[in-house]
Amino acid sequence: MDNSPTALFENYDEDFKQLLASLKGKLDGDVKSLKGEQRKAALKRVSEELDEAEEIVAQMEVELPSMPVSIRQTYQGRLATSKSGLDKVKKTLRDLRQESQRSDLLSGPGGFPNPDDPYTDDDPSAYSTRTRLLQGTETLSDGTRRLDNAHRIALETEDVGGEILRNLRGQREQIEHTRDTLVQADSSIDRAAGTLKKMIYKMYQQKFLSAAIIAVLVALIIIVLWSKFR
């Protein structure tokens, strides 16, 4: 079992690439060839798989902080690439949904004009109403795109803020570690100074004791010599 800090990210990335390729294949091929309710059902299935892809990307993002700083930037780039690919698939899905909505507005059952539709092209006011409906759909789609962009920007801003907070937390831990080291060094210096003072005191004691012994010996020698020559 691979216990490296990038193992889970690599597994998620591989699953994401396979799922993204499957989604692209369905959107570019199968879904475009379908019509009506079949297309709607296919788009719903694609949307569910897209949710799964978003969950995988979220898991990849969770793995980033546990990686060594030396390689984290590389994997951040890979994550950004995955998000970009996911955004493209989302855009394709939105476009196909809008196309399906337009088809429903312009056509009756089976994709052919409905003669019972009050908004037929024979009535100019009906045509105007249909035009307004289409314009409203375009406006709604544009608003949706703007909301998606705002949401994406908010997520990116949140990611940047989280990264800054993690960096600040790491710097604070380094500062606290440095402070603890300085406190320990100061304590060691105090102990060393105390030991040095004791050594100096003992040295003076030994010198005094040596001088006293020498004085006693000199006195004894003088006494011995005086007793011999008296």
C-alpha atoms as a PDB file:
ATOM      1  CA  MET A   1       0.000   0.000   0.000  1.00  0.00           C
ATOM      2  CA  ASP A   2       1.352   3.382  -1.015  1.00  0.00           C
ATOM      3  CA  ASN A   3       1.573   5.651   2.067  1.00  0.00           C
ATOM      4  CA  SER A   4       3.132   8.626   0.293  1.00  0.00           C
ATOM      5  CA  PRO A   5       1.505  12.037   0.907  1.00  0.00           C
ATOM      6  CA  THR A   6       0.381  12.200  -2.737  1.00  0.00           C
ATOM      7  CA  ALA A   7      -1.076   8.679  -3.033  1.00  0.00           C
ATOM      8  CA  LEU A   8      -4.712   9.627  -2.351  1.00  0.00           C
ATOM      9  CA  PHE A   9      -4.474  12.665  -4.618  1.00  0.00           C
ATOM     10  CA  GLU A  10      -3.164  10.479  -7.456  1.00  0.00           C
ATOM     11  CA  ASN A  11      -6.012   7.990  -6.972  1.00  0.00           C
ATOM     12  CA  TYR A  12      -8.630  10.749  -6.961  1.00  0.00           C
ATOM     13  CA  ASP A  13      -7.007  12.342 -10.011  1.00  0.00           C
ATOM     14  CA  GLU A  14      -7.111   9.061 -11.946  1.00  0.00           C
ATOM     15  CA  ASP A  15     -10.792   8.505 -11.064  1.00  0.00           C
ATOM     16  CA  PHE A  16     -11.584  12.095 -12.032  1.00  0.00           C
ATOM     17  CA  LYS A  17      -9.878  11.796 -15.433  1.00  0.00           C
ATOM     18  CA  GLN A  18     -11.820   8.628 -16.256  1.00  0.00           C
ATOM     19  CA  LEU A  19     -15.124  10.176 -15.168  1.00  0.00           C
ATOM     20  CA  LEU A  20     -14.419  13.412 -17.054  1.00  0.00           C
ATOM     21  CA  ALA A  21     -13.612  11.488 -20.249  1.00  0.00           C
ATOM     22  CA  SER A  22     -16.879   9.560 -19.854  1.00  0.00           C
ATOM     23  CA  LEU A  23     -18.850  12.795 -19.392  1.00  0.00           C
ATOM     24  CA  LYS A  24     -17.256  14.414 -22.448  1.00  0.00           C
ATOM     25  CA  GLY A  25     -18.044  11.352 -24.538  1.00  0.00           C
ATOM     26  CA  LYS A  26     -21.685  11.385 -23.493  1.00  0.00           C
ATOM     27  CA  LEU A  27     -22.154  15.120 -24.010  1.00  0.00           C
ATOM     28  CA  ASP A  28     -20.367  15.224 -27.369  1.00  0.00           C
ATOM     29  CA  GLY A  29     -21.926  12.044 -28.720  1.00  0.00           C
ATOM     30  CA  ASP A  30     -24.819  10.230 -27.078  1.00  0.00           C
ATOM     31  CA  VAL A  31     -26.737  13.198 -25.655  1.00  0.00           C
ATOM     32  CA  LYS A  32     -26.579  15.295 -28.843  1.00  0.00           C
ATOM     33  CA  SER A  33     -28.111  12.473 -30.852  1.00  0.00           C
ATOM     34  CA  LEU A  34     -31.155  12.225 -28.561  1.00  0.00           C
ATOM     35  CA  LYS A  35     -34.316  14.312 -28.595  1.00  0.00           C
ATOM     36  CA  GLY A  36     -37.138  15.183 -26.259  1.00  0.00           C
ATOM     37  CA  GLU A  37     -37.579  13.208 -23.064  1.00  0.00           C
ATOM     38  CA  GLN A  38     -34.696  10.872 -23.904  1.00  0.00           C
ATOM     39  CA  ARG A  39     -32.311  13.825 -24.014  1.00  0.00           C
ATOM     40  CA  LYS A  40     -33.686  15.173 -20.736  1.00  0.00           C
ATOM     41  CA  ALA A  41     -33.167  11.800 -19.048  1.00  0.00           C
ATOM     42  CA  ALA A  42     -29.635  11.578 -20.440  1.00  0.00           C
ATOM     43  CA  LEU A  43     -28.848  15.120 -19.257  1.00  0.00           C
ATOM     44  CA  LYS A  44     -30.112  14.223 -15.778  1.00  0.00           C
ATOM     45  CA  ARG A  45     -27.794  11.207 -15.648  1.00  0.00           C
ATOM     46  CA  VAL A  46     -24.887  13.370 -16.791  1.00  0.00           C
ATOM     47  CA  SER A  47     -25.743  15.931 -14.107  1.00  0.00           C
ATOM     48  CA  GLU A  48     -25.591  13.222 -11.437  1.00  0.00           C
ATOM     49  CA  GLU A  49     -22.193  12.073 -12.678  1.00  0.00           C
ATOM     50  CA  LEU A  50     -21.074  15.695 -12.714  1.00  0.00           C
ATOM     51  CA  ASP A  51     -21.942  15.946  -9.016  1.00  0.00           C
ATOM     52  CA  GLU A  52     -19.739  12.908  -8.421  1.00  0.00           C
ATOM     53  CA  ALA A  53     -16.889  14.590 -10.321  1.00  0.00           C
ATOM     54  CA  GLU A  54     -17.260  17.702  -8.152  1.00  0.00           C
ATOM     55  CA  GLU A  55     -17.013  15.549  -5.027  1.00  0.00           C
ATOM     56  CA  ILE A  56     -13.779  14.005  -6.323  1.00  0.00           C
ATOM     57  CA  VAL A  57     -12.322  17.467  -6.983  1.00  0.00           C
ATOM     58  CA  ALA A  58     -13.294  18.492  -3.451  1.00  0.00           C
ATOM     59  CA  GLN A  59     -11.443  15.447  -2.059  1.00  0.00           C
ATOM     60  CA  MET A  60      -8.387  16.334  -4.143  1.00  0.00           C
ATOM     61  CA  GLU A  61      -8.491  19.823  -2.645  1.00  0.00           C
ATOM     62  CA  VAL A  62      -8.641  18.370   0.878  1.00  0.00           C
ATOM     63  CA  GLU A  63      -5.438  16.402   0.250  1.00  0.00           C
ATOM     64  CA  LEU A  64      -3.362  19.466  -0.721  1.00  0.00           C
ATOM     65  CA  PRO A  65      -2.571  20.863   2.780  1.00  0.00           C
ATOM     66  CA  SER A  66      -1.066  17.525   3.900  1.00  0.00           C
ATOM     67  CA  MET A  67       1.533  17.580   1.097  1.00  0.00           C
ATOM     68  CA  PRO A  68       5.093  18.878   1.552  1.00  0.00           C
ATOM     69  CA  VAL A  69       5.430  22.526   0.591  1.00  0.00           C
ATOM     70  CA  SER A  70       8.123  21.655  -1.971  1.00  0.00           C
ATOM     71  CA  ILE A  71       5.645  19.772  -4.205  1.00  0.00           C
ATOM     72  CA  ARG A  72       2.356  21.413  -3.208  1.00  0.00           C
ATOM     73  CA  GLN A  73       2.482  24.037  -5.970  1.00  0.00           C
ATOM     74  CA  THR A  74       2.757  21.348  -8.653  1.00  0.00           C
ATOM     75  CA  TYR A  75      -0.344  19.598  -7.394  1.00  0.00           C
ATOM     76  CA  GLN A  76      -2.173  22.893  -7.042  1.00  0.00           C
ATOM     77  CA  GLY A  77      -1.588  23.369 -10.771  1.00  0.00           C
ATOM     78  CA  ARG A  78      -2.986  19.905 -11.490  1.00  0.00           C
ATOM     79  CA  LEU A  79      -6.027  20.684  -9.353  1.00  0.00           C
ATOM     80  CA  ALA A  80      -6.574  23.939 -11.248  1.00  0.00           C
ATOM     81  CA  THR A  81      -6.429  22.007 -14.533  1.00  0.00           C
ATOM     82  CA  SER A  82      -9.017  19.533 -13.236  1.00  0.00           C
ATOM     83  CA  LYS A  83     -11.311  22.379 -12.183  1.00  0.00           C
ATOM     84  CA  SER A  84     -10.933  23.991 -15.598  1.00  0.00           C
ATOM     85  CA  GLY A  85     -11.902  20.735 -17.321  1.00  0.00           C
ATOM     86  CA  LEU A  86     -14.881  20.388 -15.004  1.00  0.00           C
ATOM     87  CA  ASP A  87     -16.027  23.939 -15.788  1.00  0.00           C
ATOM     88  CA  LYS A  88     -15.923  23.187 -19.521  1.00  0.00           C
ATOM     89  CA  VAL A  89     -18.126  20.126 -19.033  1.00  0.00           C
ATOM     90  CA  LYS A  90     -20.536  22.214 -16.943  1.00  0.00           C
ATOM     91  CA  LYS A  91     -20.742  24.795 -19.728  1.00  0.00           C
ATOM     92  CA  THR A  92     -21.434  22.103 -22.320  1.00  0.00           C
ATOM     93  CA  LEU A  93     -24.169  20.681 -20.099  1.00  0.00           C
ATOM     94  CA  ARG A  94     -25.758  24.129 -19.668  1.00  0.00           C
ATOM     95  CA  ASP A  95     -25.658  24.756 -23.414  1.00  0.00           C
ATOM     96  CA  LEU A  96     -27.372  21.432 -24.145  1.00  0.00           C
ATOM     97  CA  ARG A  97     -30.030  22.150 -21.534  1.00  0.00           C
ATOM     98  CA  GLN A  98     -30.692  25.576 -23.045  1.00  0.00           C
ATOM     99  CA  GLU A  99     -30.901  24.013 -26.495  1.00  0.00           C
ATOM    100  CA  SER A 100     -33.381  21.472 -25.168  1.00  0.00           C
ATOM    101  CA  GLN A 101     -35.455  24.255 -23.569  1.00  0.00           C
ATOM    102  CA  ARG A 102     -35.515  26.218 -26.827  1.00  0.00           C
ATOM    103  CA  SER A 103     -36.608  23.096 -28.686  1.00  0.00           C
ATOM    104  CA  ASP A 104     -39.464  22.605 -26.209  1.00  0.00           C
ATOM    105  CA  LEU A 105     -40.566  26.216 -26.675  1.00  0.00           C
ATOM    106  CA  LEU A 106     -40.462  26.123 -30.455  1.00  0.00           C
ATOM    107  CA  SER A 107     -41.885  22.645 -31.002  1.00  0.00           C
ATOM    108  CA  GLY A 108     -44.824  20.561 -29.966  1.00  0.00           C
ATOM    109  CA  PRO A 109     -44.743  16.853 -29.068  1.00  0.00           C
ATOM    110  CA  GLY A 110     -42.285  14.886 -31.149  1.00  0.00           C
ATOM    111  CA  GLY A 111     -40.374  17.960 -32.224  1.00  0.00           C
ATOM    112  CA  PHE A 112     -42.993  19.178 -34.766  1.00  0.00           C
ATOM    113  CA  PRO A 113     -44.995  22.398 -34.580  1.00  0.00           C
ATOM    114  CA  ASN A 114     -48.148  21.990 -32.525  1.00  0.00           C
ATOM    115  CA  PRO A 115     -51.217  23.283 -34.363  1.00  0.00           C
ATOM    116  CA  ASP A 116     -53.034  23.777 -31.044  1.00  0.00           C
ATOM    117  CA  ASP A 117     -50.227  25.980 -29.687  1.00  0.00           C
ATOM    118  CA  PRO A 118     -51.609  29.524 -29.130  1.00  0.00           C
ATOM    119  CA  TYR A 119     -48.163  30.919 -29.978  1.00  0.00           C
ATOM    120  CA  THR A 120     -48.042  29.896 -33.613  1.00  0.00           C
ATOM    121  CA  ASP A 121     -46.161  31.859 -36.231  1.00  0.00           C
ATOM    122  CA  ASP A 122     -49.439  32.789 -37.971  1.00  0.00           C
ATOM    123  CA  ASP A 123     -50.196  35.288 -35.241  1.00  0.00           C
ATOM    124  CA  PRO A 124     -47.734  38.234 -35.049  1.00  0.00           C
ATOM    125  CA  SER A 125     -48.546  38.836 -31.378  1.00  0.00           C
ATOM    126  CA  ALA A 126     -47.863  35.177 -30.624  1.00  0.00           C
ATOM    127  CA  TYR A 127     -44.529  35.479 -32.420  1.00  0.00           C
ATOM    128  CA  SER A 128     -43.714  38.524 -30.309  1.00  0.00           C
ATOM    129  CA  THR A 129     -44.636  36.612 -27.155  1.00  0.00           C
ATOM    130  CA  ARG A 130     -42.427  33.712 -28.200  1.00  0.00           C
ATOM    131  CA  THR A 131     -39.587  36.123 -28.889  1.00  0.00           C
ATOM    132  CA  ARG A 132     -39.975  37.572 -25.421  1.00  0.00           C
ATOM    133  CA  LEU A 133     -39.955  34.077 -23.954  1.00  0.00           C
ATOM    134  CA  LEU A 134     -36.744  33.272 -25.799  1.00  0.00           C
ATOM    135  CA  GLN A 135     -35.195  36.552 -24.678  1.00  0.00           C
ATOM    136  CA  GLY A 136     -36.242  35.784 -21.114  1.00  0.00           C
ATOM    137  CA  THR A 137     -34.602  32.365 -21.407  1.00  0.00           C
ATOM    138  CA  GLU A 138     -31.392  33.945 -22.697  1.00  0.00           C
ATOM    139  CA  THR A 139     -31.467  36.496 -19.867  1.00  0.00           C
ATOM    140  CA  LEU A 140     -31.982  33.714 -17.332  1.00  0.00           C
ATOM    141  CA  SER A 141     -29.141  31.730 -18.853  1.00  0.00           C
ATOM    142  CA  ASP A 142     -26.872  34.771 -18.751  1.00  0.00           C
ATOM    143  CA  GLY A 143     -27.763  35.355 -15.106  1.00  0.00           C
ATOM    144  CA  THR A 144     -27.031  31.717 -14.356  1.00  0.00           C
ATOM    145  CA  ARG A 145     -23.616  32.000 -15.984  1.00  0.00           C
ATOM    146  CA  ARG A 146     -22.860  35.122 -13.964  1.00  0.00           C
ATOM    147  CA  LEU A 147     -23.907  33.400 -10.752  1.00  0.00           C
ATOM    148  CA  ASP A 148     -21.713  30.426 -11.621  1.00  0.00           C
ATOM    149  CA  ASN A 149     -18.762  32.745 -12.281  1.00  0.00           C
ATOM    150  CA  ALA A 150     -19.383  34.591  -9.017  1.00  0.00           C
ATOM    151  CA  HIS A 151     -19.577  31.267  -7.182  1.00  0.00           C
ATOM    152  CA  ARG A 152     -16.344  30.089  -8.810  1.00  0.00           C
ATOM    153  CA  ILE A 153     -14.572  33.345  -7.909  1.00  0.00           C
ATOM    154  CA  ALA A 154     -15.842  33.062  -4.332  1.00  0.00           C
ATOM    155  CA  LEU A 155     -14.495  29.508  -4.096  1.00  0.00           C
ATOM    156  CA  GLU A 156     -11.133  30.559  -5.510  1.00  0.00           C
ATOM    157  CA  THR A 157     -10.999  33.468  -3.059  1.00  0.00           C
ATOM    158  CA  GLU A 158     -11.835  31.080  -0.231  1.00  0.00           C
ATOM    159  CA  ASP A 159      -9.046  28.753  -1.371  1.00  0.00           C
ATOM    160  CA  VAL A 160      -6.539  31.617  -1.447  1.00  0.00           C
ATOM    161  CA  GLY A 161      -7.670  32.818   1.984  1.00  0.00           C
ATOM    162  CA  GLY A 162      -7.375  29.302   3.376  1.00  0.00           C
ATOM    163  CA  GLU A 163      -3.873  28.950   1.965  1.00  0.00           C
ATOM    164  CA  ILE A 164      -2.848  32.285   3.506  1.00  0.00           C
ATOM    165  CA  LEU A 165      -4.252  31.237   6.877  1.00  0.00           C
ATOM    166  CA  ARG A 166      -2.382  27.934   6.701  1.00  0.00           C
ATOM    167  CA  ASN A 167       0.848  29.750   5.874  1.00  0.00           C
ATOM    168  CA  LEU A 168       0.321  32.192   8.750  1.00  0.00           C
ATOM    169  CA  ARG A 169      -0.392  29.296  11.098  1.00  0.00           C
ATOM    170  CA  GLY A 170       2.825  27.599  10.010  1.00  0.00           C
ATOM    171  CA  GLN A 171       4.811  30.807  10.526  1.00  0.00           C
ATOM    172  CA  ARG A 172       3.293  31.260  13.979  1.00  0.00           C
ATOM    173  CA  GLU A 173       4.309  27.723  14.923  1.00  0.00           C
ATOM    174  CA  GLN A 174       7.845  28.417  13.690  1.00  0.00           C
ATOM    175  CA  ILE A 175       8.008  31.628  15.751  1.00  0.00           C
ATOM    176  CA  GLU A 176       6.726  29.838  18.845  1.00  0.00           C
ATOM    177  CA  HIS A 177       9.272  27.058  18.328  1.00  0.00           C
ATOM    178  CA  THR A 178      12.061  29.641  17.959  1.00  0.00           C
ATOM    179  CA  ARG A 179      10.903  31.399  21.126  1.00  0.00           C
ATOM    180  CA  ASP A 180      10.910  28.117  23.066  1.00  0.00           C
ATOM    181  CA  THR A 181      14.407  27.389  21.772  1.00  0.00           C
ATOM    182  CA  LEU A 182      15.613  30.817  22.925  1.00  0.00           C
ATOM    183  CA  VAL A 183      14.086  30.288  26.364  1.00  0.00           C
ATOM    184  CA  GLN A 184      15.846  26.933  26.649  1.00  0.00           C
ATOM    185  CA  ALA A 185      19.132  28.496  25.493  1.00  0.00           C
ATOM    186  CA  ASP A 186      18.767  31.295  28.073  1.00  0.00           C
ATOM    187  CA  SER A 187      18.147  28.730  30.802  1.00  0.00           C
ATOM    188  CA  SER A 188      21.206  26.749  29.692  1.00  0.00           C
ATOM    189  CA  ILE A 189      23.337  29.929  29.772  1.00  0.00           C
ATOM    190  CA  ASP A 190      22.155  30.685  33.327  1.00  0.00           C
ATOM    191  CA  ARG A 191      23.067  27.172  34.448  1.00  0.00           C
ATOM    192  CA  ALA A 192      26.466  27.432  32.760  1.00  0.00           C
ATOM    193  CA  ALA A 193      27.124  30.793  34.441  1.00  0.00           C
ATOM    194  CA  GLY A 194      26.256  29.312  37.844  1.00  0.00           C
ATOM    195  CA  THR A 195      28.539  26.358  37.248  1.00  0.00           C
ATOM    196  CA  LEU A 196      31.368  28.671  36.188  1.00  0.00           C
ATOM    197  CA  LYS A 197      30.973  30.766  39.362  1.00  0.00           C
ATOM    198  CA  LYS A 198      31.171  27.619  41.507  1.00  0.00           C
ATOM    199  CA  MET A 199      34.321  26.512  39.664  1.00  0.00           C
ATOM    200  CA  ILE A 200      35.948  29.944  40.225  1.00  0.00           C
ATOM    201  CA  TYR A 201      35.027  29.846  43.933  1.00  0.00           C
ATOM    202  CA  LYS A 202      36.534  26.362  44.323  1.00  0.00           C
ATOM    203  CA  MET A 203      39.647  27.493  42.477  1.00  0.00           C
ATOM    204  CA  TYR A 204      40.162  30.327  44.970  1.00  0.00           C
ATOM    205  CA  GLN A 205      39.561  27.913  47.840  1.00  0.00           C
ATOM    206  CA  GLN A 206      42.223  25.580  46.505  1.00  0.00           C
ATOM    207  CA  LYS A 207      44.687  28.461  46.070  1.00  0.00           C
ATOM    208  CA  PHE A 208      44.107  29.632  49.656  1.00  0.00           C
ATOM    209  CA  LEU A 209      44.479  26.105  50.968  1.00  0.00           C
ATOM    210  CA  SER A 210      47.707  25.604  48.974  1.00  0.00           C
ATOM    211  CA  ALA A 211      49.120  28.902  50.273  1.00  0.00           C
ATOM    212  CA  ALA A 212      48.256  27.901  53.856  1.00  0.00           C
ATOM    213  CA  ILE A 213      49.944  24.514  53.453  1.00  0.00           C
ATOM    214  CA  ILE A 214      53.071  26.145  52.005  1.00  0.00           C
ATOM    215  CA  ALA A 215      53.176  28.655  54.881  1.00  0.00           C
ATOM    216  CA  VAL A 216      52.905  25.854  57.443  1.00  0.00           C
ATOM    217  CA  LEU A 217      55.676  23.878  55.734  1.00  0.00           C
ATOM    218  CA  VAL A 218      57.938  26.954  55.629  1.00  0.00           C
ATOM    219  CA  ALA A 219      57.275  27.592  59.300  1.00  0.00           C
ATOM    220  CA  LEU A 220      58.120  23.971  60.184  1.00  0.00           C
ATOM    221  CA  ILE A 221      61.341  24.130  58.173  1.00  0.00           C
ATOM    222  CA  ILE A 222      62.351  27.341  59.952  1.00  0.00           C
ATOM    223  CA  ILE A 223      61.601  25.795  63.352  1.00  0.00           C
ATOM    224  CA  VAL A 224      63.595  22.656  62.515  1.00  0.00           C
ATOM    225  CA  LEU A 225      66.574  24.685  61.319  1.00  0.00           C
ATOM    226  CA  TRP A 226      66.445  26.998  64.343  1.00  0.00           C
ATOM    227  CA  SER A 227      66.380  24.009  66.699  1.00  0.00           C
ATOM    228  CA  LYS A 228      69.466  22.487  65.043  1.00  0.00           C
ATOM    229  CA  PHE A 229      71.618  25.626  65.082  1.00  0.00           C
ATOM    230  CA  ARG A 230      70.593  26.954  68.454  1.00  0.00           C
END
